[in-house]
Protein backbone atom coordinates (compact mmCIF):
# COMPACT_ATOMS: atom_id res chain seq x y z
CA MET A 1 223.20 -47.15 140.50
CA THR A 2 225.01 -43.64 140.57
CA ASP A 3 228.29 -44.78 141.66
CA TRP A 4 229.67 -46.54 138.39
CA ARG A 5 233.25 -45.43 137.37
CA PRO A 6 234.54 -46.68 134.31
CA ASP A 7 238.19 -48.07 134.09
CA LEU A 8 239.89 -46.15 131.52
CA LYS A 9 243.74 -46.92 132.38
CA ASN A 10 244.11 -49.76 130.09
CA SER A 11 242.55 -47.96 126.92
CA ASP A 12 244.95 -45.88 123.89
CA ALA A 13 241.38 -44.66 122.83
CA PRO A 14 240.43 -41.19 123.18
CA ARG A 15 238.91 -40.52 126.44
CA TYR A 16 235.08 -40.19 125.15
CA ILE A 17 235.77 -43.58 123.26
CA ALA A 18 237.20 -45.26 126.17
CA ILE A 19 234.14 -44.18 128.30
CA ALA A 20 231.68 -45.41 125.68
CA ASP A 21 233.40 -48.80 125.29
CA SER A 22 233.56 -49.25 128.76
CA ILE A 23 229.76 -48.99 129.36
CA ALA A 24 229.61 -51.37 126.21
CA SER A 25 232.11 -53.66 128.27
CA ASP A 26 230.35 -53.47 131.65
CA LEU A 27 227.13 -54.04 130.10
CA SER A 28 228.52 -57.14 128.54
CA SER A 29 230.02 -58.52 131.63
CA GLY A 30 227.17 -57.84 133.76
CA ARG A 31 228.78 -55.03 136.05
CA LEU A 32 225.93 -52.60 134.20
CA SER A 33 222.45 -54.06 133.38
CA PRO A 34 219.51 -52.33 131.56
CA GLY A 35 217.58 -49.84 133.44
CA ASP A 36 220.91 -48.71 135.39
CA ARG A 37 221.13 -44.98 136.17
CA LEU A 38 224.67 -43.62 135.52
CA PRO A 39 226.28 -40.84 137.23
CA ALA A 40 225.37 -37.15 136.00
CA GLN A 41 227.90 -36.11 133.33
CA ARG A 42 229.54 -33.22 135.94
CA GLN A 43 229.55 -35.81 138.77
CA LEU A 44 231.37 -38.27 136.54
CA ALA A 45 234.05 -35.63 135.20
CA LYS A 46 234.92 -34.62 138.56
CA ILE A 47 235.51 -38.00 139.46
CA LEU A 48 237.70 -39.01 136.42
CA GLY A 49 239.76 -35.63 136.60
CA LEU A 50 238.23 -35.12 133.11
CA ASP A 51 236.18 -31.85 131.78
CA PHE A 52 232.79 -32.00 131.52
CA THR A 53 232.70 -31.92 127.45
CA THR A 54 234.71 -35.13 127.50
CA VAL A 55 232.61 -36.80 129.65
CA ALA A 56 229.34 -35.32 127.64
CA ARG A 57 230.83 -36.62 124.55
CA GLY A 58 231.60 -40.16 125.76
CA TYR A 59 227.92 -40.30 126.76
CA THR A 60 226.70 -38.83 123.40
CA GLU A 61 229.01 -41.68 121.52
CA ALA A 62 227.41 -44.33 124.07
CA ARG A 63 223.75 -43.07 123.07
CA ARG A 64 224.48 -43.38 119.33
CA ARG A 65 225.70 -47.02 119.74
CA GLY A 66 222.27 -47.44 121.39
CA LEU A 67 223.97 -48.13 124.98
CA LEU A 68 222.23 -44.98 126.83
CA SER A 69 218.91 -43.24 127.02
CA SER A 70 218.23 -39.70 128.84
CA GLN A 71 215.15 -38.65 130.71
CA VAL A 72 214.49 -35.28 131.46
CA GLY A 73 214.40 -34.90 134.98
CA SER A 74 215.23 -38.48 135.98
CA GLY A 75 218.86 -38.86 134.41
CA THR A 76 220.80 -41.12 131.97
CA PHE A 77 219.94 -45.09 132.02
CA VAL A 78 221.92 -48.06 130.55
CA THR A 79 219.57 -49.57 127.37
CA ASP A 80 220.05 -52.87 125.54
CA PRO A 81 221.25 -51.97 122.19
CA SER A 82 219.50 -55.17 120.98
CA ASP A 83 216.22 -54.00 122.39
CA ILE A 84 216.49 -50.87 120.74
CA GLY A 85 217.14 -52.12 117.61
CA SER A 86 214.19 -54.44 117.41
CA LYS A 87 211.98 -51.40 118.61
CA ASP A 88 212.97 -49.38 115.82
CA ARG A 89 212.57 -52.10 113.21
CA SER A 90 208.99 -52.92 114.89
CA GLU A 91 208.03 -48.94 114.71
CA ALA A 92 209.36 -48.86 111.17
CA GLY A 93 207.91 -51.94 109.70
CA SER A 94 211.41 -52.57 108.09
CA THR A 95 215.23 -53.29 108.89
CA ARG A 96 215.90 -49.79 106.40
CA ILE A 97 217.45 -47.58 108.80
CA CYS A 98 218.64 -44.32 107.10
CA ALA A 99 221.43 -42.18 108.88
CA PRO A 100 220.54 -38.70 108.73
CA ASP A 101 222.82 -36.41 107.04
CA PHE A 102 223.28 -33.61 109.68
CA SER A 103 225.44 -31.54 107.28
CA MET A 104 221.89 -30.83 105.79
CA ASN A 105 219.53 -28.37 107.24
CA LEU A 106 216.85 -30.65 108.58
CA PRO A 107 213.48 -29.59 109.53
CA PRO A 108 212.15 -31.14 112.93
CA GLU A 109 210.47 -34.44 112.59
CA PRO A 110 206.87 -35.13 114.20
CA GLY A 111 206.54 -37.11 117.20
CA ASP A 112 202.69 -36.91 117.47
CA ARG A 113 201.34 -40.06 116.72
CA GLN A 114 198.09 -38.78 115.60
CA LEU A 115 200.00 -36.86 112.94
CA VAL A 116 202.31 -39.67 112.16
CA ALA A 117 199.58 -41.91 111.41
CA LYS A 118 197.65 -39.14 109.36
CA MET A 119 200.98 -38.97 107.36
CA GLN A 120 201.13 -42.66 106.87
CA ALA A 121 197.37 -42.87 105.78
CA GLY A 122 198.08 -40.63 102.88
CA TYR A 123 201.28 -42.59 101.79
CA ARG A 124 199.29 -45.81 101.92
CA ALA A 125 196.51 -44.48 100.00
CA LEU A 126 198.83 -44.08 96.95
CA SER A 127 199.02 -47.83 96.43
CA ASP A 128 195.53 -47.68 95.01
CA GLU A 129 196.88 -45.66 92.41
CA LEU A 130 200.32 -47.32 92.45
CA MET A 131 200.76 -48.32 88.66
CA PRO A 132 199.92 -45.11 86.85
CA LEU A 133 202.28 -43.54 89.24
CA LEU A 134 205.05 -45.98 87.84
CA ARG A 135 204.51 -44.79 84.31
CA TYR A 136 206.34 -42.26 82.46
CA GLN A 137 204.34 -38.87 82.47
CA THR A 138 203.97 -36.23 79.99
CA LEU A 139 205.21 -32.61 80.65
CA ASP A 140 201.51 -31.73 81.01
CA THR A 141 200.94 -31.52 84.88
CA ALA A 142 197.49 -33.38 86.18
CA GLU A 143 195.01 -30.19 86.90
CA GLN A 144 194.68 -31.94 90.39
CA ASP A 145 198.20 -31.43 91.36
CA GLN A 146 198.49 -27.80 89.86
CA LEU A 147 195.13 -27.00 92.12
CA ALA A 148 196.93 -28.38 95.05
CA ALA A 149 200.12 -26.46 94.38
CA ALA A 150 198.43 -23.03 93.94
CA ARG A 151 196.69 -23.83 97.27
CA TRP A 152 199.86 -24.50 99.08
CA LEU A 153 201.43 -21.28 97.81
CA GLU A 154 198.68 -19.07 98.66
CA SER A 155 200.08 -18.71 102.28
CA THR A 156 203.08 -16.89 101.07
CA GLY A 157 201.11 -14.31 99.70
CA LEU A 158 201.16 -15.58 95.82
CA SER A 159 198.05 -15.68 93.98
CA THR A 160 198.48 -17.53 90.51
CA GLU A 161 196.93 -19.47 88.01
CA PRO A 162 197.23 -23.16 88.88
CA SER A 163 198.22 -23.85 85.14
CA GLN A 164 201.38 -21.18 85.19
CA ILE A 165 202.74 -23.61 88.32
CA LEU A 166 205.92 -25.80 87.28
CA PHE A 167 207.06 -28.67 89.05
CA ALA A 168 210.63 -29.74 89.87
CA SER A 169 212.32 -32.76 91.93
CA GLY A 170 213.40 -30.09 94.76
CA ALA A 171 214.81 -26.75 94.90
CA GLN A 172 218.53 -27.71 94.10
CA SER A 173 217.28 -29.31 90.62
CA ALA A 174 214.81 -26.49 89.85
CA LEU A 175 217.86 -23.88 90.25
CA GLY A 176 219.73 -26.31 88.02
CA HIS A 177 217.00 -26.08 85.33
CA ILE A 178 216.74 -22.32 85.68
CA LEU A 179 220.29 -21.88 85.25
CA ALA A 180 220.52 -24.31 82.16
CA ALA A 181 217.71 -22.20 80.73
CA THR A 182 218.85 -18.86 81.21
CA THR A 183 222.69 -18.72 81.32
CA GLU A 184 225.84 -19.60 79.40
CA PRO A 185 229.18 -20.20 80.59
CA GLY A 186 230.83 -17.28 81.27
CA ASP A 187 227.99 -15.09 82.30
CA GLN A 188 227.87 -13.76 86.15
CA LEU A 189 225.43 -14.71 88.82
CA ALA A 190 225.07 -12.49 91.76
CA CYS A 191 224.16 -13.49 95.31
CA GLU A 192 224.63 -12.34 98.91
CA ASP A 193 228.04 -12.65 100.24
CA ILE A 194 227.01 -15.35 102.79
CA THR A 195 224.95 -17.60 100.83
CA TYR A 196 223.42 -21.14 100.27
CA PRO A 197 226.04 -23.65 99.49
CA GLY A 198 223.87 -25.09 96.74
CA ILE A 199 223.85 -22.03 94.63
CA ARG A 200 227.95 -21.82 94.60
CA SER A 201 228.05 -25.66 93.38
CA LEU A 202 225.75 -24.82 90.76
CA ALA A 203 227.35 -21.77 89.43
CA ALA A 204 230.78 -23.81 89.29
CA GLN A 205 228.87 -26.42 87.47
CA CYS A 206 227.28 -24.02 84.95
CA GLY A 207 230.65 -22.24 84.39
CA LEU A 208 229.16 -18.88 85.87
CA GLU A 209 231.38 -16.21 87.74
CA LEU A 210 229.69 -15.93 90.98
CA ILE A 211 229.34 -12.54 92.39
CA GLY A 212 229.08 -12.17 96.23
CA LEU A 213 227.31 -8.58 96.76
CA GLU A 214 227.84 -6.63 100.05
CA THR A 215 225.05 -6.85 102.77
CA ASP A 216 223.80 -5.23 105.67
CA GLU A 217 221.10 -6.12 108.08
CA ALA A 218 218.31 -5.78 105.51
CA GLY A 219 220.00 -7.93 102.67
CA VAL A 220 221.88 -7.29 99.79
CA LEU A 221 222.55 -3.36 99.12
CA PRO A 222 221.34 -1.88 96.01
CA ASP A 223 224.37 -0.11 95.19
CA SER A 224 226.33 -3.03 95.43
CA LEU A 225 223.72 -4.76 92.72
CA HIS A 226 224.09 -1.60 90.69
CA SER A 227 227.87 -1.92 90.76
CA ALA A 228 227.90 -5.51 89.59
CA MET A 229 225.81 -4.71 86.71
CA GLY A 230 228.29 -2.25 85.05
CA GLU A 231 230.20 -4.98 83.13
CA GLY A 232 226.91 -6.31 81.45
CA ARG A 233 227.59 -10.10 82.28
CA LEU A 234 225.42 -10.06 85.22
CA LYS A 235 222.12 -12.38 84.20
CA ALA A 236 220.52 -12.81 87.63
CA LEU A 237 220.35 -12.22 91.11
CA TYR A 238 220.17 -15.34 93.29
CA LEU A 239 218.42 -14.72 97.09
CA ASN A 240 217.14 -16.79 99.85
CA PRO A 241 215.08 -13.74 101.01
CA THR A 242 213.12 -15.24 104.14
CA ILE A 243 214.93 -17.02 107.31
CA GLN A 244 217.83 -16.94 104.95
CA ASN A 245 220.37 -20.22 105.09
CA PRO A 246 222.60 -19.57 106.91
CA THR A 247 222.06 -15.79 108.48
CA THR A 248 218.73 -16.14 109.22
CA LYS A 249 217.86 -12.66 108.14
CA THR A 250 214.47 -11.82 106.34
CA VAL A 251 214.62 -9.14 103.85
CA PRO A 252 212.39 -6.60 104.92
CA TYR A 253 209.24 -4.97 102.17
CA HIS A 254 211.54 -1.74 101.67
CA ARG A 255 214.53 -3.38 100.32
CA ARG A 256 212.69 -6.03 98.45
CA LYS A 257 211.22 -2.75 96.40
CA GLU A 258 214.68 -1.44 96.20
CA LEU A 259 216.50 -4.50 94.74
CA VAL A 260 213.05 -4.96 92.17
CA GLU A 261 213.62 -1.71 90.93
CA CYS A 262 217.35 -2.10 90.76
CA ALA A 263 217.26 -5.39 88.86
CA GLU A 264 214.45 -3.95 86.59
CA ARG A 265 216.59 -1.54 85.61
CA GLY A 266 219.42 -3.44 84.67
CA GLY A 267 217.27 -5.98 82.75
CA ILE A 268 218.37 -8.94 85.22
CA ALA A 269 216.41 -11.72 86.55
CA ILE A 270 216.08 -12.60 90.24
CA LEU A 271 216.00 -16.12 91.40
CA GLU A 272 213.87 -16.17 94.75
CA ASP A 273 214.85 -19.51 96.26
CA ASP A 274 211.71 -19.37 99.13
CA ALA A 275 212.40 -22.53 100.86
CA TYR A 276 211.92 -21.08 104.65
CA GLY A 277 209.06 -18.56 103.41
CA GLN A 278 206.31 -20.62 104.66
CA LEU A 279 207.92 -21.11 108.26
CA CYS A 280 207.42 -17.22 108.78
CA ARG A 281 203.88 -16.53 109.53
CA LYS A 282 204.35 -12.71 108.60
CA ALA A 283 206.62 -12.99 106.05
CA PRO A 284 207.10 -9.61 103.54
CA LEU A 285 205.15 -10.34 99.87
CA PRO A 286 207.75 -12.70 97.98
CA PHE A 287 209.52 -10.82 95.17
CA ALA A 288 207.28 -12.73 92.62
CA ALA A 289 204.54 -10.83 94.03
CA LEU A 290 206.22 -7.81 93.55
CA ALA A 291 207.82 -8.33 90.29
CA PRO A 292 206.45 -11.46 88.47
CA GLU A 293 207.70 -10.55 85.10
CA SER A 294 211.40 -10.72 86.31
CA THR A 295 211.05 -13.25 89.05
CA TRP A 296 211.80 -16.97 88.95
CA TYR A 297 210.02 -18.28 92.14
CA ILE A 298 211.02 -21.89 93.77
CA GLY A 299 208.70 -22.78 96.32
CA SER A 300 210.49 -25.99 98.27
CA LEU A 301 208.68 -28.98 100.16
CA SER A 302 211.98 -30.07 101.85
CA LYS A 303 212.06 -27.33 104.78
CA THR A 304 208.29 -27.20 105.66
CA LEU A 305 207.02 -31.09 105.25
CA GLY A 306 210.00 -33.33 104.97
CA ALA A 307 213.86 -33.26 103.56
CA GLY A 308 213.22 -36.47 101.58
CA LEU A 309 210.07 -35.05 99.85
CA ARG A 310 212.03 -33.83 96.90
CA LEU A 311 209.51 -31.67 94.89
CA ALA A 312 209.37 -27.87 94.30
CA TYR A 313 206.84 -25.59 92.76
CA VAL A 314 208.01 -23.14 90.53
CA LEU A 315 206.86 -19.85 88.95
CA ALA A 316 208.67 -18.50 85.72
CA PRO A 317 208.71 -14.66 84.47
CA GLY A 318 206.30 -15.51 81.30
CA THR A 319 205.39 -18.20 78.74
CA GLY A 320 208.76 -18.47 77.05
CA ALA A 321 210.81 -18.85 80.36
CA ARG A 322 208.30 -21.64 81.28
CA TRP A 323 209.02 -23.49 77.83
CA LYS A 324 212.72 -23.19 78.25
CA PHE A 325 212.57 -24.53 81.94
CA ALA A 326 210.24 -27.57 80.82
CA ARG A 327 212.89 -28.48 78.46
CA ALA A 328 215.65 -28.13 80.83
CA VAL A 329 213.57 -30.84 83.16
CA ARG A 330 212.78 -33.03 80.18
CA THR A 331 216.57 -32.97 79.15
CA SER A 332 218.02 -33.33 82.68
CA GLN A 333 215.73 -35.65 84.71
CA VAL A 334 212.54 -36.59 82.11
CA MET A 335 210.00 -35.53 84.72
CA PRO A 336 209.68 -34.84 88.60
CA SER A 337 208.68 -38.21 90.38
CA PRO A 338 204.77 -38.65 90.13
CA ILE A 339 204.81 -40.73 93.41
CA MET A 340 206.38 -37.71 95.12
CA THR A 341 203.96 -35.32 93.25
CA ALA A 342 200.97 -37.48 94.33
CA LEU A 343 201.79 -37.77 97.99
CA ALA A 344 202.34 -34.01 98.09
CA THR A 345 199.00 -33.34 96.51
CA ARG A 346 197.20 -35.73 98.78
CA TRP A 347 198.70 -34.43 101.88
CA ILE A 348 197.59 -30.87 100.70
CA GLU A 349 194.12 -31.97 99.85
CA ASP A 350 193.62 -33.76 103.03
CA GLY A 351 195.08 -31.26 105.30
CA THR A 352 198.00 -33.21 106.58
CA ALA A 353 200.38 -30.75 105.00
CA PHE A 354 199.10 -27.87 106.87
CA LEU A 355 199.12 -29.72 110.03
CA LEU A 356 202.46 -30.79 109.32
CA LEU A 357 203.81 -27.30 108.50
CA ASP A 358 202.24 -25.92 111.69
CA HIS A 359 203.98 -28.87 113.77
CA ILE A 360 207.13 -27.86 112.19
CA ARG A 361 206.38 -23.89 112.90
CA SER A 362 205.81 -24.42 116.80
CA GLU A 363 208.39 -27.04 117.34
CA SER A 364 210.90 -24.93 115.57
CA ALA A 365 210.17 -22.16 117.93
CA ALA A 366 210.35 -24.22 121.01
CA ARG A 367 213.83 -25.26 120.16
CA GLN A 368 214.84 -21.88 119.38
CA GLN A 369 213.74 -21.12 122.76
CA LEU A 370 215.88 -24.23 124.21
CA ALA A 371 219.03 -22.75 122.44
CA ALA A 372 218.31 -19.54 123.94
CA GLN A 373 218.31 -21.14 127.34
CA HIS A 374 221.99 -22.62 126.74
CA LEU A 375 223.72 -20.32 124.46
CA HIS A 376 222.47 -17.05 126.10
CA LYS A 377 226.24 -16.08 126.56
CA GLN A 378 227.15 -16.77 123.03
CA ASP A 379 227.02 -14.30 119.84
CA TYR A 380 224.41 -15.69 117.44
CA LEU A 381 221.57 -14.68 115.02
CA ALA A 382 218.40 -16.60 114.90
CA ASP A 383 215.06 -16.30 113.79
CA PRO A 384 212.10 -17.53 116.23
CA GLU A 385 210.47 -19.40 113.43
CA GLY A 386 213.69 -21.01 111.83
CA PHE A 387 215.41 -24.23 112.81
CA HIS A 388 218.77 -23.05 112.45
CA LEU A 389 220.93 -20.20 113.85
CA TRP A 390 224.18 -18.73 112.87
CA LEU A 391 226.64 -19.01 115.78
CA GLY A 392 229.87 -16.63 116.16
CA LEU A 393 232.79 -18.22 118.20
CA PRO A 394 234.41 -16.97 121.04
CA GLY A 395 238.07 -16.12 121.28
CA GLY A 396 240.56 -18.63 120.77
CA TRP A 397 238.09 -21.19 119.11
CA THR A 398 238.01 -21.49 115.11
CA ARG A 399 235.40 -23.12 113.23
CA SER A 400 237.44 -26.21 112.25
CA ALA A 401 238.32 -26.86 115.71
CA LEU A 402 234.95 -26.92 116.52
CA VAL A 403 233.22 -29.05 114.07
CA SER A 404 236.14 -31.59 114.81
CA GLN A 405 235.60 -31.82 118.43
CA LEU A 406 232.02 -31.87 118.38
CA ARG A 407 231.40 -34.15 114.86
CA ASN A 408 229.37 -36.85 117.06
CA LEU A 409 226.77 -34.52 118.32
CA PRO A 410 223.22 -35.26 116.87
CA ILE A 411 223.16 -31.64 115.48
CA GLY A 412 224.18 -29.97 112.28
CA ILE A 413 227.39 -27.85 112.82
CA THR A 414 228.52 -26.55 109.60
CA GLU A 415 231.80 -23.92 109.07
CA ALA A 416 231.31 -20.92 107.48
CA ASP A 417 233.67 -21.64 104.49
CA ALA A 418 230.91 -23.43 102.91
CA PHE A 419 228.29 -20.50 102.77
CA THR A 420 230.91 -17.79 101.93
CA ALA A 421 230.83 -16.18 98.38
CA ARG A 422 232.68 -12.95 99.16
CA GLY A 423 235.95 -12.44 101.28
CA THR A 424 237.33 -14.57 103.96
CA PRO A 425 235.02 -16.86 105.74
CA ALA A 426 234.31 -15.65 109.14
CA GLU A 427 234.77 -17.57 112.70
CA ARG A 428 231.06 -18.75 112.39
CA VAL A 429 229.13 -22.06 112.02
CA ARG A 430 225.40 -22.74 111.23
CA ILE A 431 223.73 -25.08 113.82
CA GLY A 432 220.94 -26.85 112.71
CA LEU A 433 218.16 -27.61 115.58
CA GLY A 434 216.07 -30.15 113.59
CA GLY A 435 216.29 -33.91 112.12
CA PRO A 436 215.52 -36.96 114.20
CA VAL A 437 216.14 -35.83 117.99
CA ASP A 438 213.92 -34.73 120.32
CA ARG A 439 214.39 -31.98 122.54
CA THR A 440 215.77 -33.83 125.21
CA GLN A 441 218.59 -34.80 123.00
CA LEU A 442 218.93 -31.52 121.60
CA GLY A 443 218.95 -29.62 125.05
CA HIS A 444 221.87 -32.25 125.87
CA ALA A 445 223.85 -31.20 122.46
CA LEU A 446 223.15 -27.46 123.03
CA GLU A 447 224.47 -28.02 126.56
CA VAL A 448 227.77 -29.69 125.45
CA LEU A 449 227.86 -27.14 122.78
CA SER A 450 227.62 -24.22 125.32
CA GLN A 451 230.25 -25.84 127.74
CA THR A 452 232.83 -26.34 124.94
CA LEU A 453 232.59 -22.80 123.55
CA GLU A 454 233.03 -21.77 127.52
CA ALA A 455 236.07 -23.68 127.42
CA SER A 456 239.49 -22.84 126.19
CA PRO A 457 239.95 -25.10 122.84
CA VAL A 458 243.70 -25.84 124.14
CA GLY A 459 242.50 -27.35 127.20
CA SER A 460 239.40 -29.06 125.80
CA SER A 461 241.44 -30.96 122.87
CA VAL A 462 243.74 -32.65 125.48
CA TYR A 463 240.78 -34.88 126.10
CA PHE A 464 239.71 -35.86 122.44
């Protein structure tokens, strides 16, 4: 079917909602049947006298309800939502369906059946040792887990004794433990002027004054860091140095050396949040390799294996720092999850983790190419091996207006306000390209985003 036309005259709902409602109504009445092909979005927009973005958003809303599916090169087809529901439950083996949080930066999920089967096999194998994993554990991490962690960190250029590696329930948790162990209310913490929102929240929670430092294309300016140390209250410099969230910049080797020298002269610690480091095949040496006696290193698995795998590997600058960190872990969370730790160790030992990392790298590269096709007219920053980009908005658009109009798209769109530690937020948004969406869905979302940016925000808002 290519001549379907929704009846929107009697609906008081926004036009895009009315389109989705009409699909549902016509499916219920029999006017539409599962398998029917709907008109192309541009064709339907012309028929209805609406703009493309409104129709695209209507199809997206219908797809969210399980009423439509898309096939590359074939078109958009009506589906039976009850069939989709039972298919999802069959594949998941459970009725537990967890909605993804697209405000977070999610890595692409694997679709390769062999890889998913290997991941599931490792997970099921934990049942053989389930009872010990349900017990309280001491702070003495098992040697098997430390060896696996050391093997995982080797690919970043870090060579360390396995016994020196500490464990935490994710990077955010690790950063909280570090700040609890090394700072007091009223201290200052420096960061990039555009930075990871989590460090802003932690600084506020700990009563720290967050100082956003001036940056250039290579990262924090050493002179800006030197100036911030003048009052004597600065305790540490937080950095997300490789494929930075959100700007996607990577601090080059020469700037890392300059910042290390400046930090060591001022006697401050470096907090290296290396969440995206392993995505970059040719990343510079970590700060922890350049200055192990003054750097806290956090290597998280959430961006390289899966956001729900809440585990981070931490290197502390010396024995005393390790003891302080261990006490902070014990106080705030008792212990990292033994089940999470065991799963990560098993995946590293049997090679699953490295296969999954390779998948995320290659899939991220493919998605960046897809973004380049749709957004070639736009001003944005991206790393070819990352799965987010930093998009500047064309004249007339504001970040709040864009986020409001595209809130139903299955991609993460986050305003610059969340990342700004210094100055006025720019008219920019972070676009996440990962999560539980395939390339067809992502391509559709990017097309809607592109068309929206090319339209007038005033004209577009008429139909929302």
